[in-house]
Protein backbone atom coordinates (compact mmCIF):
# COMPACT_ATOMS: atom_id res chain seq x y z
CA UNK A 1 0.27 -0.16 0.10
CA UNK A 2 1.92 3.45 -1.28
CA UNK A 3 1.21 7.09 -0.28
CA UNK A 4 -1.18 7.12 -2.97
CA UNK A 5 -3.93 5.43 -1.51
CA UNK A 6 -3.92 7.61 1.34
CA UNK A 7 -4.14 10.61 -0.91
CA UNK A 8 -7.42 9.20 -2.40
CA UNK A 9 -8.95 8.21 1.06
CA UNK A 10 -7.99 11.56 2.72
CA UNK A 11 -9.42 13.41 -0.47
CA UNK A 12 -12.90 11.48 -0.74
CA UNK A 13 -13.77 11.85 3.08
CA UNK A 14 -12.92 15.90 2.18
CA UNK A 15 -15.20 15.40 -0.93
CA UNK A 16 -17.45 13.71 1.08
CA UNK A 17 -17.82 16.64 3.53
CA UNK A 18 -18.15 19.26 0.44
CA UNK A 19 -20.76 16.89 -1.78
CA UNK A 20 -23.07 16.60 1.51
CA UNK A 21 -22.44 20.29 3.63
CA UNK A 22 -23.16 21.50 -0.54
CA UNK A 23 -25.94 19.12 -0.75
CA UNK A 24 -27.32 21.38 2.65
CA UNK A 25 -26.74 24.41 1.37
CA UNK A 26 -27.86 23.98 -2.05
CA UNK A 27 -30.82 22.15 -1.90
CA UNK A 28 -32.30 22.62 1.27
CA UNK A 29 -34.95 24.84 2.14
CA UNK A 30 -33.58 28.66 2.83
CA UNK A 31 -33.84 30.46 6.43
CA UNK A 32 -36.48 32.80 6.45
CA UNK A 33 -35.48 36.60 6.46
CA UNK A 34 -34.49 38.01 9.30
CA UNK A 35 -36.52 39.99 11.59
CA UNK A 36 -36.06 42.18 14.81
CA UNK A 37 -37.01 39.82 17.37
CA UNK A 38 -39.65 40.14 20.09
CA UNK A 39 -38.31 39.94 24.15
CA UNK A 40 -37.09 37.02 25.23
CA UNK A 41 -40.12 34.39 25.73
CA UNK A 42 -38.88 30.71 27.08
CA UNK A 43 -38.76 28.52 24.41
CA UNK A 44 -39.02 25.04 26.78
CA UNK A 45 -41.42 24.46 28.70
CA UNK A 46 -41.08 21.56 31.37
CA UNK A 47 -44.25 19.46 31.69
CA UNK A 48 -43.31 16.17 31.29
CA UNK A 49 -47.01 14.11 30.54
CA UNK A 50 -48.92 11.32 31.72
CA UNK A 51 -48.47 8.26 29.52
CA UNK A 52 -51.18 8.04 26.66
CA UNK A 53 -52.75 5.09 27.80
CA UNK A 54 -53.39 7.10 31.16
CA UNK A 55 -55.57 9.88 29.44
CA UNK A 56 -58.44 7.02 28.97
CA UNK A 57 -60.28 5.82 31.80
CA UNK A 58 -60.77 1.88 31.92
CA UNK A 59 -64.78 2.19 30.92
CA UNK A 60 -66.82 4.19 28.32
CA UNK A 61 -70.86 4.28 28.73
CA UNK A 62 -72.01 3.04 25.17
CA UNK A 63 -73.12 5.30 22.82
CA UNK A 64 -76.42 7.43 23.40
CA UNK A 65 -76.85 9.55 20.59
CA UNK A 66 -80.56 10.76 20.74
CA UNK A 67 -82.61 10.96 17.44
CA UNK A 68 -82.15 14.36 15.70
CA UNK A 69 -79.16 15.41 17.00
CA UNK A 70 -77.67 18.13 15.62
CA UNK A 71 -77.35 21.98 16.03
CA UNK A 72 -79.08 24.49 14.51
CA UNK A 73 -76.55 26.84 13.58
CA UNK A 74 -72.69 26.88 13.49
CA UNK A 75 -71.58 27.32 17.59
CA UNK A 76 -68.03 28.44 18.37
CA UNK A 77 -65.92 27.49 21.80
CA UNK A 78 -62.65 29.08 22.52
CA UNK A 79 -60.57 27.45 24.70
CA UNK A 80 -57.66 29.08 26.47
CA UNK A 81 -54.87 27.16 28.47
CA UNK A 82 -51.54 28.22 29.54
CA UNK A 83 -50.12 26.77 26.61
CA UNK A 84 -52.50 27.03 23.70
CA UNK A 85 -55.28 28.83 23.35
CA UNK A 86 -58.75 27.01 20.44
CA UNK A 87 -61.47 27.10 18.60
CA UNK A 88 -63.60 24.24 18.32
CA UNK A 89 -66.74 24.22 15.64
CA UNK A 90 -70.24 22.59 16.30
CA UNK A 91 -69.81 22.24 12.20
CA UNK A 92 -68.52 18.99 12.13
CA UNK A 93 -66.86 18.38 15.63
CA UNK A 94 -63.41 20.02 14.32
CA UNK A 95 -61.45 22.52 15.03
CA UNK A 96 -60.66 25.66 12.94
CA UNK A 97 -57.98 27.69 15.26
CA UNK A 98 -54.84 26.32 17.04
CA UNK A 99 -52.32 28.97 18.89
CA UNK A 100 -49.40 28.51 20.71
CA UNK A 101 -48.16 31.03 23.48
CA UNK A 102 -45.46 30.20 24.59
CA UNK A 103 -43.49 30.34 20.94
CA UNK A 104 -43.41 33.15 18.58
CA UNK A 105 -42.76 33.76 14.84
CA UNK A 106 -40.07 35.95 12.52
CA UNK A 107 -42.86 38.47 12.99
CA UNK A 108 -42.91 38.52 16.89
CA UNK A 109 -46.58 37.13 17.02
CA UNK A 110 -47.72 33.92 18.24
CA UNK A 111 -47.08 30.74 16.58
CA UNK A 112 -50.25 29.70 14.78
CA UNK A 113 -50.52 26.15 13.38
CA UNK A 114 -53.79 26.09 11.51
CA UNK A 115 -54.11 28.98 8.81
CA UNK A 116 -56.76 30.74 8.39
CA UNK A 117 -59.85 30.07 6.18
CA UNK A 118 -58.68 26.72 5.38
CA UNK A 119 -60.84 24.02 3.32
CA UNK A 120 -60.67 21.21 5.55
CA UNK A 121 -60.55 21.79 9.31
CA UNK A 122 -58.65 19.34 11.55
CA UNK A 123 -60.08 16.79 12.61
CA UNK A 124 -63.34 16.09 9.51
CA UNK A 125 -64.59 13.19 9.13
CA UNK A 126 -65.48 11.10 6.42
CA UNK A 127 -66.78 7.89 5.49
CA UNK A 128 -65.13 7.48 1.55
CA UNK A 129 -61.69 8.60 1.79
CA UNK A 130 -62.29 11.56 -0.80
CA UNK A 131 -64.54 13.83 0.67
CA UNK A 132 -65.57 15.15 4.49
CA UNK A 133 -68.85 15.92 3.91
CA UNK A 134 -69.78 15.98 7.51
CA UNK A 135 -67.58 19.24 8.08
CA UNK A 136 -70.34 21.01 6.93
CA UNK A 137 -73.14 19.53 9.07
CA UNK A 138 -73.77 21.25 12.39
CA UNK A 139 -73.36 18.58 15.33
CA UNK A 140 -75.26 19.14 18.63
CA UNK A 141 -72.48 20.18 21.69
CA UNK A 142 -73.10 19.18 25.14
CA UNK A 143 -71.05 19.31 28.17
CA UNK A 144 -70.19 22.98 28.31
CA UNK A 145 -72.35 25.94 28.29
CA UNK A 146 -69.82 29.10 26.90
CA UNK A 147 -66.04 29.50 26.42
CA UNK A 148 -63.64 27.44 28.49
CA UNK A 149 -60.80 28.70 30.24
CA UNK A 150 -57.88 26.48 32.30
CA UNK A 151 -55.44 28.48 34.12
CA UNK A 152 -54.56 25.59 37.00
CA UNK A 153 -52.02 22.60 36.72
CA UNK A 154 -54.19 19.43 36.53
CA UNK A 155 -57.45 21.35 35.28
CA UNK A 156 -59.95 19.41 32.80
CA UNK A 157 -62.74 20.56 30.01
CA UNK A 158 -64.76 17.78 28.38
CA UNK A 159 -66.88 18.77 24.81
CA UNK A 160 -69.35 16.00 23.29
CA UNK A 161 -70.43 16.59 20.15
CA UNK A 162 -73.70 14.45 19.11
CA UNK A 163 -75.01 13.79 15.63
CA UNK A 164 -77.47 11.46 13.91
CA UNK A 165 -78.86 11.74 10.74
CA UNK A 166 -78.38 9.74 7.02
CA UNK A 167 -78.05 6.40 8.99
CA UNK A 168 -74.80 7.76 11.07
CA UNK A 169 -74.38 7.58 14.62
CA UNK A 170 -71.45 9.89 15.69
CA UNK A 171 -70.22 11.11 19.34
CA UNK A 172 -67.14 12.72 19.45
CA UNK A 173 -65.64 13.84 22.87
CA UNK A 174 -63.09 15.75 23.29
CA UNK A 175 -60.73 15.86 26.91
CA UNK A 176 -58.55 18.53 27.22
CA UNK A 177 -56.04 19.39 30.13
CA UNK A 178 -54.39 22.60 30.64
CA UNK A 179 -50.88 21.31 31.41
CA UNK A 180 -50.23 19.87 28.02
CA UNK A 181 -50.46 20.22 24.03
CA UNK A 182 -52.27 16.93 24.11
CA UNK A 183 -56.18 15.98 23.85
CA UNK A 184 -57.86 13.18 24.08
CA UNK A 185 -60.38 12.21 21.66
CA UNK A 186 -63.01 9.37 21.73
CA UNK A 187 -65.35 8.50 18.76
CA UNK A 188 -67.64 6.65 18.78
CA UNK A 189 -69.23 5.87 15.15
CA UNK A 190 -71.95 3.90 13.93
CA UNK A 191 -74.07 3.38 11.00
CA UNK A 192 -70.53 2.16 8.53
CA UNK A 193 -68.06 -0.09 8.23
CA UNK A 194 -65.35 2.31 8.64
CA UNK A 195 -64.26 6.34 8.23
CA UNK A 196 -61.72 8.58 7.66
CA UNK A 197 -60.14 11.61 10.13
CA UNK A 198 -58.01 13.88 8.66
CA UNK A 199 -55.73 16.42 9.92
CA UNK A 200 -57.20 18.55 7.52
CA UNK A 201 -55.57 21.81 5.58
CA UNK A 202 -52.00 22.19 6.92
CA UNK A 203 -52.81 21.87 10.63
CA UNK A 204 -49.42 21.23 12.78
CA UNK A 205 -47.28 23.64 9.94
CA UNK A 206 -46.98 27.27 11.92
CA UNK A 207 -45.45 28.71 7.98
CA UNK A 208 -41.56 29.20 9.18
CA UNK A 209 -39.82 26.66 6.96
CA UNK A 210 -36.63 26.90 8.72
CA UNK A 211 -33.22 25.51 7.27
CA UNK A 212 -33.58 21.96 6.29
CA UNK A 213 -36.59 21.21 7.58
CA UNK A 214 -39.04 18.99 5.99
CA UNK A 215 -42.42 20.41 5.70
CA UNK A 216 -45.58 17.99 4.94
CA UNK A 217 -47.00 14.51 6.22
CA UNK A 218 -45.23 12.05 7.92
CA UNK A 219 -46.03 8.46 8.43
CA UNK A 220 -44.66 6.35 11.29
CA UNK A 221 -44.80 2.81 10.42
CA UNK A 222 -43.74 0.47 13.09
CA UNK A 223 -40.12 2.75 13.76
CA UNK A 224 -39.87 3.79 10.64
CA UNK A 225 -40.44 7.51 9.86
CA UNK A 226 -41.59 8.08 6.23
CA UNK A 227 -42.09 12.17 4.97
CA UNK A 228 -44.14 13.00 1.98
CA UNK A 229 -42.92 16.10 0.13
CA UNK A 230 -46.20 17.30 -1.26
CA UNK A 231 -44.07 19.15 -4.43
CA UNK A 232 -43.55 15.55 -5.35
CA UNK A 233 -46.91 13.50 -4.62
CA UNK A 234 -47.86 12.69 -7.97
CA UNK A 235 -50.24 9.38 -7.10
CA UNK A 236 -52.29 8.60 -3.82
CA UNK A 237 -49.49 7.02 -0.68
CA UNK A 238 -51.49 3.88 0.91
CA UNK A 239 -50.40 2.96 4.30
CA UNK A 240 -51.45 -0.63 5.98
CA UNK A 241 -52.32 -0.93 10.13
CA UNK A 242 -48.49 -1.19 10.58
CA UNK A 243 -48.61 2.80 11.18
CA UNK A 244 -48.70 4.00 14.45
CA UNK A 245 -49.68 7.73 14.26
CA UNK A 246 -50.21 10.46 11.07
CA UNK A 247 -48.88 14.07 11.38
CA UNK A 248 -48.41 17.35 9.68
CA UNK A 249 -44.90 18.82 10.03
CA UNK A 250 -42.75 21.67 9.81
CA UNK A 251 -38.92 22.11 11.31
CA UNK A 252 -40.19 22.87 14.91
CA UNK A 253 -43.70 22.17 15.16
CA UNK A 254 -46.60 19.43 13.79
CA UNK A 255 -49.36 18.27 14.32
CA UNK A 256 -50.45 14.44 14.96
CA UNK A 257 -53.43 12.04 15.52
CA UNK A 258 -52.44 8.62 17.38
CA UNK A 259 -55.02 5.33 17.28
CA UNK A 260 -54.39 4.07 20.43
CA UNK A 261 -56.11 1.14 18.88
CA UNK A 262 -56.02 -0.46 15.75
CA UNK A 263 -56.21 1.78 13.00
CA UNK A 264 -57.02 -0.05 9.03
CA UNK A 265 -54.52 1.93 7.28
CA UNK A 266 -53.69 5.82 6.11
CA UNK A 267 -53.31 7.91 3.03
CA UNK A 268 -52.02 10.32 1.85
CA UNK A 269 -53.24 12.37 -1.32
CA UNK A 270 -54.17 15.50 -3.19
CA UNK A 271 -57.19 16.82 -3.29
CA UNK A 272 -59.33 17.93 -6.38
CA UNK A 273 -58.42 21.73 -5.03
CA UNK A 274 -54.77 20.96 -4.91
CA UNK A 275 -54.03 21.09 -1.20
CA UNK A 276 -52.46 17.50 0.39
CA UNK A 277 -54.33 15.50 3.21
CA UNK A 278 -53.57 12.88 5.39
CA UNK A 279 -56.28 11.05 6.76
CA UNK A 280 -56.54 7.54 8.99
CA UNK A 281 -58.52 4.86 8.48
CA UNK A 282 -60.64 3.92 11.58
CA UNK A 283 -63.26 0.69 12.04
CA UNK A 284 -66.82 2.03 13.11
CA UNK A 285 -67.21 1.44 16.86
CA UNK A 286 -65.13 3.12 19.67
CA UNK A 287 -61.73 4.68 18.95
CA UNK A 288 -59.65 5.77 21.32
CA UNK A 289 -57.06 8.56 20.06
CA UNK A 290 -54.69 11.22 21.42
CA UNK A 291 -54.16 14.31 19.47
CA UNK A 292 -50.89 16.26 19.91
CA UNK A 293 -50.50 19.89 18.27
CA UNK A 294 -47.10 21.88 19.64
CA UNK A 295 -43.44 21.98 19.76
CA UNK A 296 -40.64 19.03 18.66
CA UNK A 297 -39.89 18.75 22.57
CA UNK A 298 -37.82 15.63 22.51
CA UNK A 299 -38.95 14.52 26.22
CA UNK A 300 -41.47 15.55 26.41
CA UNK A 301 -43.14 13.71 23.44
CA UNK A 302 -41.60 10.68 24.59
CA UNK A 303 -43.31 10.83 28.02
CA UNK A 304 -46.75 10.12 25.90
CA UNK A 305 -45.02 5.96 25.36
CA UNK A 306 -46.79 6.29 21.83
CA UNK A 307 -43.39 6.85 19.81
CA UNK A 308 -44.38 10.94 19.01
CA UNK A 309 -40.72 11.40 19.93
CA UNK A 310 -39.47 10.00 16.03
CA UNK A 311 -41.35 12.93 15.32
CA UNK A 312 -37.76 14.18 15.73
CA UNK A 313 -35.74 13.39 12.70
CA UNK A 314 -32.19 13.22 13.86
CA UNK A 315 -31.35 11.26 10.78
CA UNK A 316 -29.27 7.84 9.91
CA UNK A 317 -27.09 7.99 12.63
CA UNK A 318 -29.90 8.57 15.47
CA UNK A 319 -28.09 5.68 17.73
CA UNK A 320 -25.44 8.62 17.90
CA UNK A 321 -27.50 11.71 17.83
CA UNK A 322 -29.89 10.48 20.95
CA UNK A 323 -27.37 10.46 23.42
CA UNK A 324 -25.22 13.71 22.04
CA UNK A 325 -28.64 15.17 22.48
CA UNK A 326 -29.12 14.40 25.93
CA UNK A 327 -25.62 15.02 26.94
CA UNK A 328 -26.20 18.71 25.23
CA UNK A 329 -28.85 18.96 26.96
CA UNK A 330 -27.33 18.12 30.27
CA UNK A 331 -24.71 20.50 29.89
CA UNK A 332 -27.46 23.32 29.15
CA UNK A 333 -28.95 22.20 32.62
CA UNK A 334 -25.55 23.31 34.54
CA UNK A 335 -24.21 26.22 32.34
CA UNK A 336 -27.30 27.74 31.21
CA UNK A 337 -26.47 29.04 27.63
CA UNK A 338 -26.72 26.77 24.60
CA UNK A 339 -23.20 27.93 22.97
CA UNK A 340 -21.44 27.37 25.83
CA UNK A 341 -22.96 23.71 26.24
CA UNK A 342 -21.88 23.03 22.32
CA UNK A 343 -18.73 24.05 23.01
CA UNK A 344 -18.20 21.52 25.58
CA UNK A 345 -19.63 18.91 23.48
CA UNK A 346 -17.70 19.34 21.23
CA UNK A 347 -14.86 19.59 23.60
CA UNK A 348 -16.38 15.85 24.78
CA UNK A 349 -16.76 14.45 21.60
CA UNK A 350 -13.39 15.22 20.36
CA UNK A 351 -11.59 13.36 23.88
CA UNK A 352 -12.05 9.64 22.72
CA UNK A 353 -10.15 10.48 19.71
CA UNK A 354 -7.49 12.18 20.94
CA UNK A 355 -5.04 9.16 21.11
CA UNK A 356 -5.83 8.11 18.09
CA UNK A 357 -5.41 12.00 16.14
CA UNK A 358 -2.09 12.26 18.10
CA UNK A 359 -0.83 8.79 16.06
CA UNK A 360 -2.35 9.80 12.79
CA UNK A 361 -0.95 13.17 13.48
CA UNK A 362 2.28 11.96 14.03
CA UNK A 363 2.81 9.59 11.57
CA UNK A 364 1.70 11.82 8.89
CA UNK A 365 4.52 14.63 10.49
CA UNK A 366 7.03 11.45 9.67
CA UNK A 367 5.46 10.87 6.21
CA UNK A 368 6.21 14.37 5.34
CA UNK A 369 10.15 13.62 6.65
CA UNK A 370 9.95 10.71 4.51
CA UNK A 371 9.10 12.18 1.33
CA UNK A 372 12.45 12.66 -0.73
CA UNK A 373 12.89 8.94 0.53
CA UNK A 374 9.76 8.25 -0.97
CA UNK A 375 10.42 10.35 -3.93
CA UNK A 376 14.03 8.54 -4.64
CA UNK A 377 12.30 5.30 -4.42
CA UNK A 378 9.32 6.20 -7.20
CA UNK A 379 11.96 7.27 -9.47
CA UNK A 380 14.42 3.87 -8.96
CA UNK A 381 11.26 1.76 -9.63
CA UNK A 382 9.05 3.36 -11.68
CA UNK A 383 9.08 0.74 -14.32
CA UNK A 384 8.48 -1.91 -11.59
CA UNK A 385 5.58 -0.83 -9.63
CA UNK A 386 5.90 -4.56 -7.31
CA UNK A 387 9.44 -3.98 -7.01
CA UNK A 388 8.34 0.04 -5.38
CA UNK A 389 5.64 -1.59 -3.60
CA UNK A 390 8.07 -3.91 -1.44
CA UNK A 391 10.53 -0.68 -0.68
CA UNK A 392 7.98 1.31 -0.12
CA UNK A 393 6.46 -0.85 2.43
CA UNK A 394 10.09 -1.71 3.90
CA UNK A 395 10.63 2.30 4.12
CA UNK A 396 7.33 2.43 6.43
CA UNK A 397 8.05 -0.52 8.40
CA UNK A 398 11.80 0.43 9.40
CA UNK A 399 10.35 3.90 10.42
CA UNK A 400 7.23 2.67 11.84
CA UNK A 401 4.77 4.56 9.87
CA UNK A 402 1.47 3.93 8.38
CA UNK A 403 0.03 6.22 5.48
CA UNK A 404 -3.23 5.34 6.67
CA UNK A 405 -2.91 6.54 9.98
CA UNK A 406 -3.62 10.35 8.98
CA UNK A 407 -7.06 9.39 7.49
CA UNK A 408 -8.22 6.96 9.58
CA UNK A 409 -9.45 9.39 12.61
CA UNK A 410 -11.35 12.01 10.27
CA UNK A 411 -13.19 8.48 8.71
CA UNK A 412 -14.23 7.28 12.36
CA UNK A 413 -15.11 10.85 13.28
CA UNK A 414 -17.23 11.47 9.96
CA UNK A 415 -20.52 9.36 11.68
CA UNK A 416 -20.13 11.83 14.95
CA UNK A 417 -19.85 15.00 13.05
CA UNK A 418 -23.09 14.14 11.16
CA UNK A 419 -24.74 12.84 14.29
CA UNK A 420 -24.20 16.11 15.86
CA UNK A 421 -24.88 17.70 12.85
CA UNK A 422 -28.61 16.36 12.86
CA UNK A 423 -29.39 17.03 16.75
CA UNK A 424 -27.90 21.30 16.12
CA UNK A 425 -30.02 21.23 12.99
CA UNK A 426 -33.33 20.06 14.58
CA UNK A 427 -33.42 20.73 18.49
CA UNK A 428 -35.90 22.95 19.18
CA UNK A 429 -33.97 23.93 22.06
CA UNK A 430 -31.76 25.70 20.02
CA UNK A 431 -34.74 27.74 18.31
CA UNK A 432 -34.60 31.40 19.75
CA UNK A 433 -31.23 30.36 22.13
CA UNK A 434 -29.41 33.13 22.30
CA UNK A 435 -25.02 32.83 23.05
CA UNK A 436 -22.76 36.17 22.87
CA UNK A 437 -22.82 39.65 21.81
CA UNK A 438 -24.33 39.47 18.32
CA UNK A 439 -25.45 35.55 18.02
CA UNK A 440 -29.04 35.88 19.65
CA UNK A 441 -30.17 32.73 17.92
CA UNK A 442 -28.22 29.95 17.14
CA UNK A 443 -30.68 28.14 15.01
CA UNK A 444 -30.17 31.24 12.63
CA UNK A 445 -27.29 32.46 10.57
CA UNK A 446 -24.80 34.56 12.10
CA UNK A 447 -26.68 38.05 10.24
CA UNK A 448 -22.63 39.32 10.24
CA UNK A 449 -21.23 36.43 9.11
CA UNK A 450 -18.67 36.80 11.84
CA UNK A 451 -18.62 33.13 12.72
CA UNK A 452 -18.72 31.49 9.26
CA UNK A 453 -15.14 33.78 8.55
CA UNK A 454 -13.43 32.76 11.63
CA UNK A 455 -14.22 29.54 11.08
CA UNK A 456 -12.62 29.89 7.94
CA UNK A 457 -9.20 31.48 9.11
CA UNK A 458 -9.23 28.31 11.59
CA UNK A 459 -9.34 26.08 8.89
CA UNK A 460 -6.41 27.55 6.92
CA UNK A 461 -4.45 27.78 10.15
CA UNK A 462 -5.35 23.82 11.00
CA UNK A 463 -4.18 23.78 7.31
CA UNK A 464 -0.91 25.13 7.44
CA UNK A 465 0.24 23.14 10.07
CA UNK A 466 -0.68 20.05 9.57
CA UNK A 467 1.60 17.93 7.68
CA UNK A 468 1.05 16.26 4.15
CA UNK A 469 2.12 14.07 1.36
CA UNK A 470 0.31 15.73 -1.49
CA UNK A 471 2.46 16.47 -4.65
CA UNK A 472 1.58 20.10 -5.30
CA UNK A 473 -1.47 19.82 -7.95
CA UNK A 474 -3.43 17.90 -5.16
CA UNK A 475 -2.39 20.97 -2.49
CA UNK A 476 -3.21 23.47 -4.29
CA UNK A 477 -6.41 21.64 -4.73
CA UNK A 478 -7.21 21.68 -1.19
CA UNK A 479 -5.96 24.81 -0.59
CA UNK A 480 -9.43 26.15 -1.59
CA UNK A 481 -11.22 24.28 0.82
CA UNK A 482 -11.45 26.69 3.58
CA UNK A 483 -12.68 29.21 1.48
CA UNK A 484 -15.72 26.71 -0.04
CA UNK A 485 -16.26 25.91 4.01
CA UNK A 486 -17.06 29.54 4.48
CA UNK A 487 -18.93 30.22 1.75
CA UNK A 488 -20.91 26.73 2.32
CA UNK A 489 -21.51 27.63 5.94
CA UNK A 490 -22.48 31.79 5.41
CA UNK A 491 -25.98 30.26 5.79
CA UNK A 492 -25.48 27.65 8.30
CA UNK A 493 -27.20 27.99 11.17
CA UNK A 494 -24.39 29.33 13.72
CA UNK A 495 -24.83 26.68 16.14
CA UNK A 496 -23.15 24.49 13.55
CA UNK A 497 -20.80 27.12 12.84
CA UNK A 498 -19.66 27.08 16.53
CA UNK A 499 -19.59 23.45 16.72
CA UNK A 500 -17.06 23.69 13.51
CA UNK A 501 -15.14 26.47 14.82
CA UNK A 502 -14.56 24.93 18.02
CA UNK A 503 -13.32 21.80 16.41
CA UNK A 504 -11.15 23.29 14.31
CA UNK A 505 -9.59 25.60 17.19
CA UNK A 506 -8.77 22.02 19.03
CA UNK A 507 -7.18 20.42 15.81
CA UNK A 508 -4.77 23.36 15.96
CA UNK A 509 -4.19 23.25 19.45
CA UNK A 510 -3.51 19.23 19.02
CA UNK A 511 -1.58 19.92 16.23
CA UNK A 512 0.75 22.46 17.88
CA UNK A 513 2.06 19.87 20.58
CA UNK A 514 2.16 16.74 17.98
CA UNK A 515 4.53 19.38 15.96
CA UNK A 516 6.45 20.27 18.73
CA UNK A 517 6.87 16.85 20.00
CA UNK A 518 7.82 15.12 16.95
CA UNK A 519 10.60 18.49 16.31
CA UNK A 520 12.26 17.50 19.62
CA UNK A 521 12.02 13.83 18.94
CA UNK A 522 14.06 14.18 14.98
CA UNK A 523 16.33 16.90 17.19
CA UNK A 524 17.65 13.89 19.59
CA UNK A 525 18.05 11.81 17.16
């Protein structure tokens, strides 16, 4: 194995970084334009829910819908809790508005998870899987006399919608809690074999795209998260009974319907009006469901015990991303600043690789010193490749160097890098999280591009300090990498740039001590 192989491996690793980061830069949705930030509002709410199955009593009375149960005119019920405000409608027993109180959009207003004038309201019912005509039927309302205001932890309210007509009997019971974003929904439907329940037009999507976030329907099948991109949906997508939940999401928020019993399936399709809808197919009878509409707070969602935490997409290396995310939050509890927590996490992730990186850097330094001898061997045996290979291997053995040791640390760190990259990209905890001075939102780009420029400078310094055995042409290509990476990182979230900057500083420090040690050993020899 000669050093050409080592060069190819190193170039392949570097180009892999460039291609993957370049994909994010050129093809991910662009971040929303910066807006004037409102007064600081905490993004993280600490209440953790009870298990979803604990929401439901062991027994419920049998379906009892009086003949002609139907309201004469639409009735709107305003619901206020410490976390959100919503509007329920007697038209289909649906939800028409949903506004989060603890979060602000780019204009400084409360985040809205349901756009006004939606053609299909949230939680609309249908019997044919295509239209939801029951959202025009006026249900009778019981259980409430006026608007609902829940102020204290543990407070609950119940709204019941009743309908009988056209051979159908429907009873919908919503149980609302003051201390979480979930709603318990019990549906009792008779007069049909099965029916469809939809999230409606864009329920769960706040309208802020965010950098690198998927926007649209999501299905959880067993433990597999299936994203549907609305622009690419040409034909209906049908899913079987293995589904766990349906949802609609953007980067930081979502709404989901979780059947707590057995669902018949689900479907995602484009309606005649052009809207993309997602619905779950349920058997007639009594069905218990969990409705969630709020932030993607991993610990809160995991507390339900129904797999909702998988809405937080940690990517291919999620097995590494989840523990890294846990450690990041642990550091935040101690430090109280996510910027410094990212810096500390970067140092912690680097520690296990220090011996391996040291060995690789020392080997590269020795290879650089051996470069004249290696060139002599190439010239002497250029017509005999096998002899050249043997002489190179003998040279490596004599001076105890390994050409692969220079690239191995980089290859091993790639999974860790992309796992941490994904954590910093999707975690709602970094939304509106300040760092220092001009960095007031680690989830958005640096408004003055100071961090990316400093990162590019440190990358250039690191490159100049790192020994290389590359030929002049290859080295010229590598010299452009700091400029390329600086350009790519200009629009990256500040948290990601901070991670890369700290990693570069650690590499510079480590390389400095390795170079000094190798130099002293050379003088002694």
